[in-house]
C-alpha cells in the first residue's frame, strides 16, 4: 500500500510540474523586452535625452514621479531638473503581465 501511495504522489508531482512550466516568449516579445532594458540603462545613467530616444513624439508619460500625464518635451525638461538632484539606490526590472 505504501508503494502505491508513493507512486501516486510521484505521478501527481510530475503532472503538476508539467503544468507549471514557464511562459516562453517569441522573438518579437524578446526584442521588445531588450529595448525596455536598454531604455532603463539610459534612465539609470541620467541621460536627459532618454525620452526622445525611446518614445514617440506624441507619447504621454504618467509615472509615479509625475502628478499628471506629460508630453515628451515636459518630461525632458523635468528630468533635466530632477536627474542632478536624485540618485537611484535600487533598481528592479521585471516584466509585468
PDB file of N, CA and C in Angstrom:
ATOM      1  N   UNK A   1       0.815  -1.193   0.000  1.00  0.00           N
ATOM      2  CA  UNK A   1       0.000   0.000   0.000  1.00  0.00           C
ATOM      3  C   UNK A   1       0.866   1.269   0.000  1.00  0.00           C
ATOM      4  N   UNK A   2       2.007   1.203   0.720  1.00  0.00           N
ATOM      5  CA  UNK A   2       2.893   2.360   0.773  1.00  0.00           C
ATOM      6  C   UNK A   2       3.482   2.652  -0.600  1.00  0.00           C
ATOM      7  N   UNK A   3       3.780   1.572  -1.365  1.00  0.00           N
ATOM      8  CA  UNK A   3       4.336   1.772  -2.705  1.00  0.00           C
ATOM      9  C   UNK A   3       3.325   2.457  -3.611  1.00  0.00           C
ATOM     10  N   UNK A   4       2.073   2.081  -3.501  1.00  0.00           N
ATOM     11  CA  UNK A   4       1.047   2.687  -4.345  1.00  0.00           C
ATOM     12  C   UNK A   4       0.909   4.175  -4.005  1.00  0.00           C
ATOM     13  N   UNK A   5       0.891   4.500  -2.728  1.00  0.00           N
ATOM     14  CA  UNK A   5       0.803   5.907  -2.322  1.00  0.00           C
ATOM     15  C   UNK A   5       2.011   6.697  -2.812  1.00  0.00           C
ATOM     16  N   UNK A   6       3.186   6.092  -2.729  1.00  0.00           N
ATOM     17  CA  UNK A   6       4.405   6.751  -3.200  1.00  0.00           C
ATOM     18  C   UNK A   6       4.319   7.027  -4.699  1.00  0.00           C
ATOM     19  N   UNK A   7       3.903   6.021  -5.471  1.00  0.00           N
ATOM     20  CA  UNK A   7       3.810   6.189  -6.922  1.00  0.00           C
ATOM     21  C   UNK A   7       2.724   7.195  -7.300  1.00  0.00           C
ATOM     22  N   UNK A   8       1.620   7.196  -6.579  1.00  0.00           N
ATOM     23  CA  UNK A   8       0.556   8.164  -6.859  1.00  0.00           C
ATOM     24  C   UNK A   8       1.050   9.595  -6.574  1.00  0.00           C
ATOM     25  N   UNK A   9       1.770   9.759  -5.477  1.00  0.00           N
ATOM     26  CA  UNK A   9       2.313  11.077  -5.144  1.00  0.00           C
ATOM     27  C   UNK A   9       3.351  11.499  -6.177  1.00  0.00           C
ATOM     28  N   UNK A  10       4.174  10.564  -6.608  1.00  0.00           N
ATOM     29  CA  UNK A  10       5.194  10.849  -7.614  1.00  0.00           C
ATOM     30  C   UNK A  10       4.544  11.268  -8.935  1.00  0.00           C
ATOM     31  N   UNK A  11       3.530  10.534  -9.364  1.00  0.00           N
ATOM     32  CA  UNK A  11       2.833  10.875 -10.610  1.00  0.00           C
ATOM     33  C   UNK A  11       2.116  12.223 -10.492  1.00  0.00           C
ATOM     34  N   UNK A  12       1.552  12.500  -9.333  1.00  0.00           N
ATOM     35  CA  UNK A  12       0.890  13.791  -9.131  1.00  0.00           C
ATOM     36  C   UNK A  12       1.895  14.934  -9.232  1.00  0.00           C
ATOM     37  N   UNK A  13       3.072  14.753  -8.665  1.00  0.00           N
ATOM     38  CA  UNK A  13       4.112  15.786  -8.760  1.00  0.00           C
ATOM     39  C   UNK A  13       4.568  15.988 -10.200  1.00  0.00           C
ATOM     40  N   UNK A  14       4.705  14.906 -10.929  1.00  0.00           N
ATOM     41  CA  UNK A  14       5.089  15.022 -12.337  1.00  0.00           C
ATOM     42  C   UNK A  14       4.027  15.769 -13.127  1.00  0.00           C
ATOM     43  N   UNK A  15       2.774  15.447 -12.875  1.00  0.00           N
ATOM     44  CA  UNK A  15       1.678  16.090 -13.595  1.00  0.00           C
ATOM     45  C   UNK A  15       1.607  17.582 -13.264  1.00  0.00           C
ATOM     46  N   UNK A  16       1.671  17.927 -12.007  1.00  0.00           N
ATOM     47  CA  UNK A  16       1.605  19.333 -11.592  1.00  0.00           C
ATOM     48  C   UNK A  16       2.835  20.085 -12.091  1.00  0.00           C
ATOM     49  N   UNK A  17       3.992  19.459 -12.034  1.00  0.00           N
ATOM     50  CA  UNK A  17       5.217  20.105 -12.507  1.00  0.00           C
ATOM     51  C   UNK A  17       5.178  20.407 -13.987  1.00  0.00           C
ATOM     52  N   UNK A  18       4.559  19.539 -14.763  1.00  0.00           N
ATOM     53  CA  UNK A  18       4.489  19.785 -16.202  1.00  0.00           C
ATOM     54  C   UNK A  18       3.507  20.901 -16.524  1.00  0.00           C
ATOM     55  N   UNK A  19       2.526  21.126 -15.669  1.00  0.00           N
ATOM     56  CA  UNK A  19       1.555  22.198 -15.898  1.00  0.00           C
ATOM     57  C   UNK A  19       2.122  23.561 -15.518  1.00  0.00           C
ATOM     58  N   UNK A  20       3.104  23.610 -14.659  1.00  0.00           N
ATOM     59  CA  UNK A  20       3.632  24.873 -14.140  1.00  0.00           C
ATOM     60  C   UNK A  20       4.898  25.303 -14.867  1.00  0.00           C
ATOM     61  N   UNK A  21       4.952  25.074 -16.152  1.00  0.00           N
ATOM     62  CA  UNK A  21       6.137  25.475 -16.905  1.00  0.00           C
ATOM     63  C   UNK A  21       6.114  26.976 -17.158  1.00  0.00           C
ATOM     64  N   UNK A  22       7.290  27.537 -17.292  1.00  0.00           N
ATOM     65  CA  UNK A  22       7.413  28.974 -17.533  1.00  0.00           C
ATOM     66  C   UNK A  22       6.897  29.322 -18.923  1.00  0.00           C
ATOM     67  N   UNK A  23       6.426  30.544 -19.043  1.00  0.00           N
ATOM     68  CA  UNK A  23       5.949  31.037 -20.323  1.00  0.00           C
ATOM     69  C   UNK A  23       7.138  31.226 -21.260  1.00  0.00           C
ATOM     70  N   UNK A  24       6.950  30.915 -22.514  1.00  0.00           N
ATOM     71  CA  UNK A  24       8.006  31.164 -23.495  1.00  0.00           C
ATOM     72  C   UNK A  24       7.614  32.382 -24.324  1.00  0.00           C
ATOM     73  N   UNK A  25       8.600  33.183 -24.643  1.00  0.00           N
ATOM     74  CA  UNK A  25       8.362  34.383 -25.427  1.00  0.00           C
ATOM     75  C   UNK A  25       8.804  34.145 -26.858  1.00  0.00           C
ATOM     76  N   UNK A  26       8.091  34.751 -27.789  1.00  0.00           N
ATOM     77  CA  UNK A  26       8.530  34.663 -29.172  1.00  0.00           C
ATOM     78  C   UNK A  26       9.590  35.741 -29.425  1.00  0.00           C
ATOM     79  N   UNK A  27      10.093  35.767 -30.638  1.00  0.00           N
ATOM     80  CA  UNK A  27      11.198  36.666 -30.981  1.00  0.00           C
ATOM     81  C   UNK A  27      10.815  38.141 -30.788  1.00  0.00           C
ATOM     82  N   UNK A  28       9.597  38.504 -31.201  1.00  0.00           N
ATOM     83  CA  UNK A  28       9.167  39.902 -31.087  1.00  0.00           C
ATOM     84  C   UNK A  28       9.050  40.346 -29.630  1.00  0.00           C
ATOM     85  N   UNK A  29       8.508  39.485 -28.780  1.00  0.00           N
ATOM     86  CA  UNK A  29       8.387  39.830 -27.363  1.00  0.00           C
ATOM     87  C   UNK A  29       9.760  39.999 -26.727  1.00  0.00           C
ATOM     88  N   UNK A  30      10.684  39.122 -27.062  1.00  0.00           N
ATOM     89  CA  UNK A  30      12.041  39.223 -26.519  1.00  0.00           C
ATOM     90  C   UNK A  30      12.727  40.503 -26.984  1.00  0.00           C
ATOM     91  N   UNK A  31      12.492  40.867 -28.241  1.00  0.00           N
ATOM     92  CA  UNK A  31      13.093  42.089 -28.780  1.00  0.00           C
ATOM     93  C   UNK A  31      12.555  43.326 -28.050  1.00  0.00           C
ATOM     94  N   UNK A  32      11.256  43.355 -27.796  1.00  0.00           N
ATOM     95  CA  UNK A  32      10.661  44.481 -27.067  1.00  0.00           C
ATOM     96  C   UNK A  32      11.238  44.558 -25.660  1.00  0.00           C
ATOM     97  N   UNK A  33      11.370  43.407 -24.994  1.00  0.00           N
ATOM     98  CA  UNK A  33      11.901  43.407 -23.626  1.00  0.00           C
ATOM     99  C   UNK A  33      13.347  43.899 -23.600  1.00  0.00           C
ATOM    100  N   UNK A  34      14.141  43.531 -24.592  1.00  0.00           N
ATOM    101  CA  UNK A  34      15.523  44.008 -24.651  1.00  0.00           C
ATOM    102  C   UNK A  34      15.575  45.521 -24.848  1.00  0.00           C
ATOM    103  N   UNK A  35      14.640  46.062 -25.634  1.00  0.00           N
ATOM    104  CA  UNK A  35      14.586  47.516 -25.818  1.00  0.00           C
ATOM    105  C   UNK A  35      14.212  48.210 -24.508  1.00  0.00           C
ATOM    106  N   UNK A  36      13.293  47.622 -23.762  1.00  0.00           N
ATOM    107  CA  UNK A  36      12.902  48.201 -22.472  1.00  0.00           C
ATOM    108  C   UNK A  36      14.096  48.228 -21.525  1.00  0.00           C
ATOM    109  N   UNK A  37      14.830  47.130 -21.461  1.00  0.00           N
ATOM    110  CA  UNK A  37      16.011  47.088 -20.595  1.00  0.00           C
ATOM    111  C   UNK A  37      17.051  48.113 -21.021  1.00  0.00           C
ATOM    112  N   UNK A  38      17.229  48.283 -22.336  1.00  0.00           N
ATOM    113  CA  UNK A  38      18.189  49.271 -22.830  1.00  0.00           C
ATOM    114  C   UNK A  38      17.752  50.687 -22.451  1.00  0.00           C
ATOM    115  N   UNK A  39      16.452  50.943 -22.469  1.00  0.00           N
ATOM    116  CA  UNK A  39      15.982  52.280 -22.080  1.00  0.00           C
ATOM    117  C   UNK A  39      16.225  52.531 -20.595  1.00  0.00           C
ATOM    118  N   UNK A  40      16.116  51.493 -19.769  1.00  0.00           N
ATOM    119  CA  UNK A  40      16.380  51.658 -18.337  1.00  0.00           C
ATOM    120  C   UNK A  40      17.839  52.020 -18.075  1.00  0.00           C
ATOM    121  N   UNK A  41      18.739  51.554 -18.916  1.00  0.00           N
ATOM    122  CA  UNK A  41      20.155  51.903 -18.761  1.00  0.00           C
ATOM    123  C   UNK A  41      20.328  53.413 -18.933  1.00  0.00           C
ATOM    124  N   UNK A  42      19.658  53.977 -19.940  1.00  0.00           N
ATOM    125  CA  UNK A  42      19.744  55.430 -20.143  1.00  0.00           C
ATOM    126  C   UNK A  42      19.166  56.193 -18.957  1.00  0.00           C
ATOM    127  N   UNK A  43      18.070  55.696 -18.405  1.00  0.00           N
ATOM    128  CA  UNK A  43      17.467  56.368 -17.252  1.00  0.00           C
ATOM    129  C   UNK A  43      18.402  56.277 -16.048  1.00  0.00           C
ATOM    130  N   UNK A  44      18.973  55.092 -15.816  1.00  0.00           N
ATOM    131  CA  UNK A  44      19.904  54.934 -14.694  1.00  0.00           C
ATOM    132  C   UNK A  44      21.142  55.808 -14.851  1.00  0.00           C
ATOM    133  N   UNK A  45      21.557  56.028 -16.103  1.00  0.00           N
ATOM    134  CA  UNK A  45      22.711  56.895 -16.362  1.00  0.00           C
ATOM    135  C   UNK A  45      22.326  58.373 -16.379  1.00  0.00           C
ATOM    136  N   UNK A  46      21.066  58.656 -16.081  1.00  0.00           N
ATOM    137  CA  UNK A  46      20.540  60.021 -16.024  1.00  0.00           C
ATOM    138  C   UNK A  46      20.727  60.765 -17.341  1.00  0.00           C
ATOM    139  N   UNK A  47      20.485  60.052 -18.437  1.00  0.00           N
ATOM    140  CA  UNK A  47      20.534  60.649 -19.769  1.00  0.00           C
ATOM    141  C   UNK A  47      19.221  61.394 -19.999  1.00  0.00           C
ATOM    142  N   UNK A  48      19.289  62.714 -20.056  1.00  0.00           N
ATOM    143  CA  UNK A  48      18.092  63.539 -20.202  1.00  0.00           C
ATOM    144  C   UNK A  48      17.387  63.259 -21.530  1.00  0.00           C
ATOM    145  N   UNK A  49      18.090  62.766 -22.514  1.00  0.00           N
ATOM    146  CA  UNK A  49      17.505  62.512 -23.830  1.00  0.00           C
ATOM    147  C   UNK A  49      16.820  61.154 -23.942  1.00  0.00           C
ATOM    148  N   UNK A  50      16.677  60.416 -22.840  1.00  0.00           N
ATOM    149  CA  UNK A  50      16.069  59.088 -22.918  1.00  0.00           C
ATOM    150  C   UNK A  50      14.653  59.157 -23.475  1.00  0.00           C
ATOM    151  N   UNK A  51      13.926  60.218 -23.131  1.00  0.00           N
ATOM    152  CA  UNK A  51      12.530  60.314 -23.565  1.00  0.00           C
ATOM    153  C   UNK A  51      12.418  60.489 -25.076  1.00  0.00           C
ATOM    154  N   UNK A  52      13.334  61.220 -25.678  1.00  0.00           N
ATOM    155  CA  UNK A  52      13.319  61.383 -27.132  1.00  0.00           C
ATOM    156  C   UNK A  52      13.814  60.127 -27.835  1.00  0.00           C
ATOM    157  N   UNK A  53      14.735  59.441 -27.203  1.00  0.00           N
ATOM    158  CA  UNK A  53      15.331  58.244 -27.796  1.00  0.00           C
ATOM    159  C   UNK A  53      14.367  57.064 -27.815  1.00  0.00           C
ATOM    160  N   UNK A  54      13.590  56.897 -26.748  1.00  0.00           N
ATOM    161  CA  UNK A  54      12.812  55.673 -26.560  1.00  0.00           C
ATOM    162  C   UNK A  54      11.304  55.872 -26.659  1.00  0.00           C
ATOM    163  N   UNK A  55      10.844  57.085 -26.959  1.00  0.00           N
ATOM    164  CA  UNK A  55       9.407  57.341 -27.039  1.00  0.00           C
ATOM    165  C   UNK A  55       9.062  57.966 -28.377  1.00  0.00           C
ATOM    166  N   UNK A  56       7.801  57.853 -28.746  1.00  0.00           N
ATOM    167  CA  UNK A  56       7.334  58.542 -29.946  1.00  0.00           C
ATOM    168  C   UNK A  56       7.050  59.995 -29.588  1.00  0.00           C
ATOM    169  N   UNK A  57       6.985  60.843 -30.602  1.00  0.00           N
ATOM    170  CA  UNK A  57       6.800  62.276 -30.359  1.00  0.00           C
ATOM    171  C   UNK A  57       5.448  62.595 -29.715  1.00  0.00           C
ATOM    172  N   UNK A  58       4.440  61.752 -29.951  1.00  0.00           N
ATOM    173  CA  UNK A  58       3.110  62.018 -29.392  1.00  0.00           C
ATOM    174  C   UNK A  58       2.841  61.241 -28.098  1.00  0.00           C
ATOM    175  N   UNK A  59       3.865  60.666 -27.513  1.00  0.00           N
ATOM    176  CA  UNK A  59       3.690  59.867 -26.292  1.00  0.00           C
ATOM    177  C   UNK A  59       3.361  60.757 -25.101  1.00  0.00           C
ATOM    178  N   UNK A  60       2.559  60.207 -24.203  1.00  0.00           N
ATOM    179  CA  UNK A  60       2.286  60.843 -22.918  1.00  0.00           C
ATOM    180  C   UNK A  60       2.827  59.928 -21.834  1.00  0.00           C
ATOM    181  N   UNK A  61       3.515  60.506 -20.873  1.00  0.00           N
ATOM    182  CA  UNK A  61       4.128  59.732 -19.798  1.00  0.00           C
ATOM    183  C   UNK A  61       3.429  60.089 -18.493  1.00  0.00           C
ATOM    184  N   UNK A  62       3.065  59.063 -17.737  1.00  0.00           N
ATOM    185  CA  UNK A  62       2.460  59.298 -16.433  1.00  0.00           C
ATOM    186  C   UNK A  62       3.020  58.258 -15.492  1.00  0.00           C
ATOM    187  N   UNK A  63       4.068  58.611 -14.794  1.00  0.00           N
ATOM    188  CA  UNK A  63       4.705  57.692 -13.866  1.00  0.00           C
ATOM    189  C   UNK A  63       4.462  58.117 -12.429  1.00  0.00           C
ATOM    190  N   UNK A  64       5.049  57.363 -11.507  1.00  0.00           N
ATOM    191  CA  UNK A  64       4.850  57.705 -10.096  1.00  0.00           C
ATOM    192  C   UNK A  64       5.577  58.994  -9.709  1.00  0.00           C
ATOM    193  N   UNK A  65       6.496  59.464 -10.542  1.00  0.00           N
ATOM    194  CA  UNK A  65       7.204  60.712 -10.255  1.00  0.00           C
ATOM    195  C   UNK A  65       6.486  61.922 -10.847  1.00  0.00           C
ATOM    196  N   UNK A  66       5.477  61.685 -11.683  1.00  0.00           N
ATOM    197  CA  UNK A  66       4.766  62.779 -12.342  1.00  0.00           C
ATOM    198  C   UNK A  66       3.322  62.830 -11.842  1.00  0.00           C
ATOM    199  N   UNK A  67       2.830  63.995 -11.419  1.00  0.00           N
ATOM    200  CA  UNK A  67       1.474  64.080 -10.885  1.00  0.00           C
ATOM    201  C   UNK A  67       0.379  63.999 -11.940  1.00  0.00           C
ATOM    202  N   UNK A  68       0.728  64.146 -13.208  1.00  0.00           N
ATOM    203  CA  UNK A  68      -0.260  64.086 -14.282  1.00  0.00           C
ATOM    204  C   UNK A  68       0.449  63.696 -15.570  1.00  0.00           C
ATOM    205  N   UNK A  69      -0.292  63.313 -16.600  1.00  0.00           N
ATOM    206  CA  UNK A  69       0.369  62.956 -17.865  1.00  0.00           C
ATOM    207  C   UNK A  69       1.168  64.132 -18.422  1.00  0.00           C
ATOM    208  N   UNK A  70       2.333  63.808 -18.960  1.00  0.00           N
ATOM    209  CA  UNK A  70       3.193  64.837 -19.538  1.00  0.00           C
ATOM    210  C   UNK A  70       3.629  64.411 -20.923  1.00  0.00           C
ATOM    211  N   UNK A  71       3.825  65.415 -21.770  1.00  0.00           N
ATOM    212  CA  UNK A  71       4.365  65.104 -23.089  1.00  0.00           C
ATOM    213  C   UNK A  71       5.881  64.974 -22.988  1.00  0.00           C
ATOM    214  N   UNK A  72       6.501  64.573 -24.073  1.00  0.00           N
ATOM    215  CA  UNK A  72       7.933  64.268 -24.052  1.00  0.00           C
ATOM    216  C   UNK A  72       8.769  65.514 -23.748  1.00  0.00           C
ATOM    217  N   UNK A  73       8.375  66.670 -24.278  1.00  0.00           N
ATOM    218  CA  UNK A  73       9.136  67.899 -24.001  1.00  0.00           C
ATOM    219  C   UNK A  73       9.111  68.223 -22.508  1.00  0.00           C
ATOM    220  N   UNK A  74       7.963  68.038 -21.885  1.00  0.00           N
ATOM    221  CA  UNK A  74       7.852  68.302 -20.449  1.00  0.00           C
ATOM    222  C   UNK A  74       8.670  67.304 -19.640  1.00  0.00           C
ATOM    223  N   UNK A  75       8.625  66.042 -20.044  1.00  0.00           N
ATOM    224  CA  UNK A  75       9.414  65.014 -19.349  1.00  0.00           C
ATOM    225  C   UNK A  75      10.892  65.342 -19.439  1.00  0.00           C
ATOM    226  N   UNK A  76      11.341  65.723 -20.627  1.00  0.00           N
ATOM    227  CA  UNK A  76      12.758  66.053 -20.807  1.00  0.00           C
ATOM    228  C   UNK A  76      13.152  67.253 -19.938  1.00  0.00           C
ATOM    229  N   UNK A  77      12.308  68.264 -19.900  1.00  0.00           N
ATOM    230  CA  UNK A  77      12.591  69.469 -19.108  1.00  0.00           C
ATOM    231  C   UNK A  77      12.683  69.125 -17.615  1.00  0.00           C
ATOM    232  N   UNK A  78      11.722  68.341 -17.114  1.00  0.00           N
ATOM    233  CA  UNK A  78      11.730  67.991 -15.696  1.00  0.00           C
ATOM    234  C   UNK A  78      12.858  67.030 -15.352  1.00  0.00           C
ATOM    235  N   UNK A  79      13.183  66.113 -16.258  1.00  0.00           N
ATOM    236  CA  UNK A  79      14.309  65.209 -15.996  1.00  0.00           C
ATOM    237  C   UNK A  79      15.620  65.974 -15.924  1.00  0.00           C
ATOM    238  N   UNK A  80      15.766  67.003 -16.773  1.00  0.00           N
ATOM    239  CA  UNK A  80      16.978  67.824 -16.721  1.00  0.00           C
ATOM    240  C   UNK A  80      17.097  68.511 -15.365  1.00  0.00           C
ATOM    241  N   UNK A  81      15.957  68.830 -14.764  1.00  0.00           N
ATOM    242  CA  UNK A  81      15.960  69.447 -13.440  1.00  0.00           C
ATOM    243  C   UNK A  81      16.164  68.405 -12.337  1.00  0.00           C
ATOM    244  N   UNK A  82      15.467  67.259 -12.434  1.00  0.00           N
ATOM    245  CA  UNK A  82      15.463  66.281 -11.349  1.00  0.00           C
ATOM    246  C   UNK A  82      16.670  65.345 -11.337  1.00  0.00           C
ATOM    247  N   UNK A  83      17.184  64.961 -12.497  1.00  0.00           N
ATOM    248  CA  UNK A  83      18.279  63.984 -12.523  1.00  0.00           C
ATOM    249  C   UNK A  83      19.486  64.410 -11.685  1.00  0.00           C
ATOM    250  N   UNK A  84      19.935  65.658 -11.775  1.00  0.00           N
ATOM    251  CA  UNK A  84      21.088  66.032 -10.941  1.00  0.00           C
ATOM    252  C   UNK A  84      20.788  65.998  -9.439  1.00  0.00           C
ATOM    253  N   UNK A  85      19.514  66.087  -9.064  1.00  0.00           N
ATOM    254  CA  UNK A  85      19.140  66.138  -7.651  1.00  0.00           C
ATOM    255  C   UNK A  85      18.882  64.767  -7.040  1.00  0.00           C
ATOM    256  N   UNK A  86      18.783  63.748  -7.879  1.00  0.00           N
ATOM    257  CA  UNK A  86      18.386  62.437  -7.359  1.00  0.00           C
ATOM    258  C   UNK A  86      19.462  61.394  -7.620  1.00  0.00           C
ATOM    259  N   UNK A  87      19.414  60.365  -6.811  1.00  0.00           N
ATOM    260  CA  UNK A  87      20.305  59.223  -7.008  1.00  0.00           C
ATOM    261  C   UNK A  87      19.498  57.959  -6.769  1.00  0.00           C
ATOM    262  N   UNK A  88      19.550  57.068  -7.736  1.00  0.00           N
ATOM    263  CA  UNK A  88      18.801  55.822  -7.651  1.00  0.00           C
ATOM    264  C   UNK A  88      19.624  54.797  -6.882  1.00  0.00           C
ATOM    265  N   UNK A  89      19.119  54.355  -5.749  1.00  0.00           N
ATOM    266  CA  UNK A  89      19.855  53.404  -4.920  1.00  0.00           C
ATOM    267  C   UNK A  89      19.578  51.955  -5.317  1.00  0.00           C
ATOM    268  N   UNK A  90      18.361  51.673  -5.771  1.00  0.00           N
ATOM    269  CA  UNK A  90      17.970  50.308  -6.114  1.00  0.00           C
ATOM    270  C   UNK A  90      17.120  50.355  -7.374  1.00  0.00           C
ATOM    271  N   UNK A  91      17.377  49.441  -8.293  1.00  0.00           N
ATOM    272  CA  UNK A  91      16.547  49.289  -9.484  1.00  0.00           C
ATOM    273  C   UNK A  91      16.131  47.840  -9.598  1.00  0.00           C
ATOM    274  N   UNK A  92      14.863  47.618  -9.890  1.00  0.00           N
ATOM    275  CA  UNK A  92      14.384  46.257 -10.114  1.00  0.00           C
ATOM    276  C   UNK A  92      13.609  46.248 -11.419  1.00  0.00           C
ATOM    277  N   UNK A  93      14.044  45.429 -12.340  1.00  0.00           N
ATOM    278  CA  UNK A  93      13.391  45.340 -13.637  1.00  0.00           C
ATOM    279  C   UNK A  93      12.792  43.955 -13.783  1.00  0.00           C
ATOM    280  N   UNK A  94      11.494  43.889 -13.844  1.00  0.00           N
ATOM    281  CA  UNK A  94      10.841  42.606 -14.053  1.00  0.00           C
ATOM    282  C   UNK A  94       9.611  42.833 -14.916  1.00  0.00           C
ATOM    283  N   UNK A  95       9.347  41.927 -15.828  1.00  0.00           N
ATOM    284  CA  UNK A  95       8.197  42.108 -16.718  1.00  0.00           C
ATOM    285  C   UNK A  95       6.888  41.979 -15.948  1.00  0.00           C
ATOM    286  N   UNK A  96       5.935  42.744 -16.352  1.00  0.00           N
ATOM    287  CA  UNK A  96       4.607  42.680 -15.744  1.00  0.00           C
ATOM    288  C   UNK A  96       3.646  42.164 -16.799  1.00  0.00           C
ATOM    289  N   UNK A  97       2.891  41.179 -16.477  1.00  0.00           N
ATOM    290  CA  UNK A  97       1.878  40.671 -17.407  1.00  0.00           C
ATOM    291  C   UNK A  97       2.289  39.514 -18.109  1.00  0.00           C
TER     292      UNK A  97
END
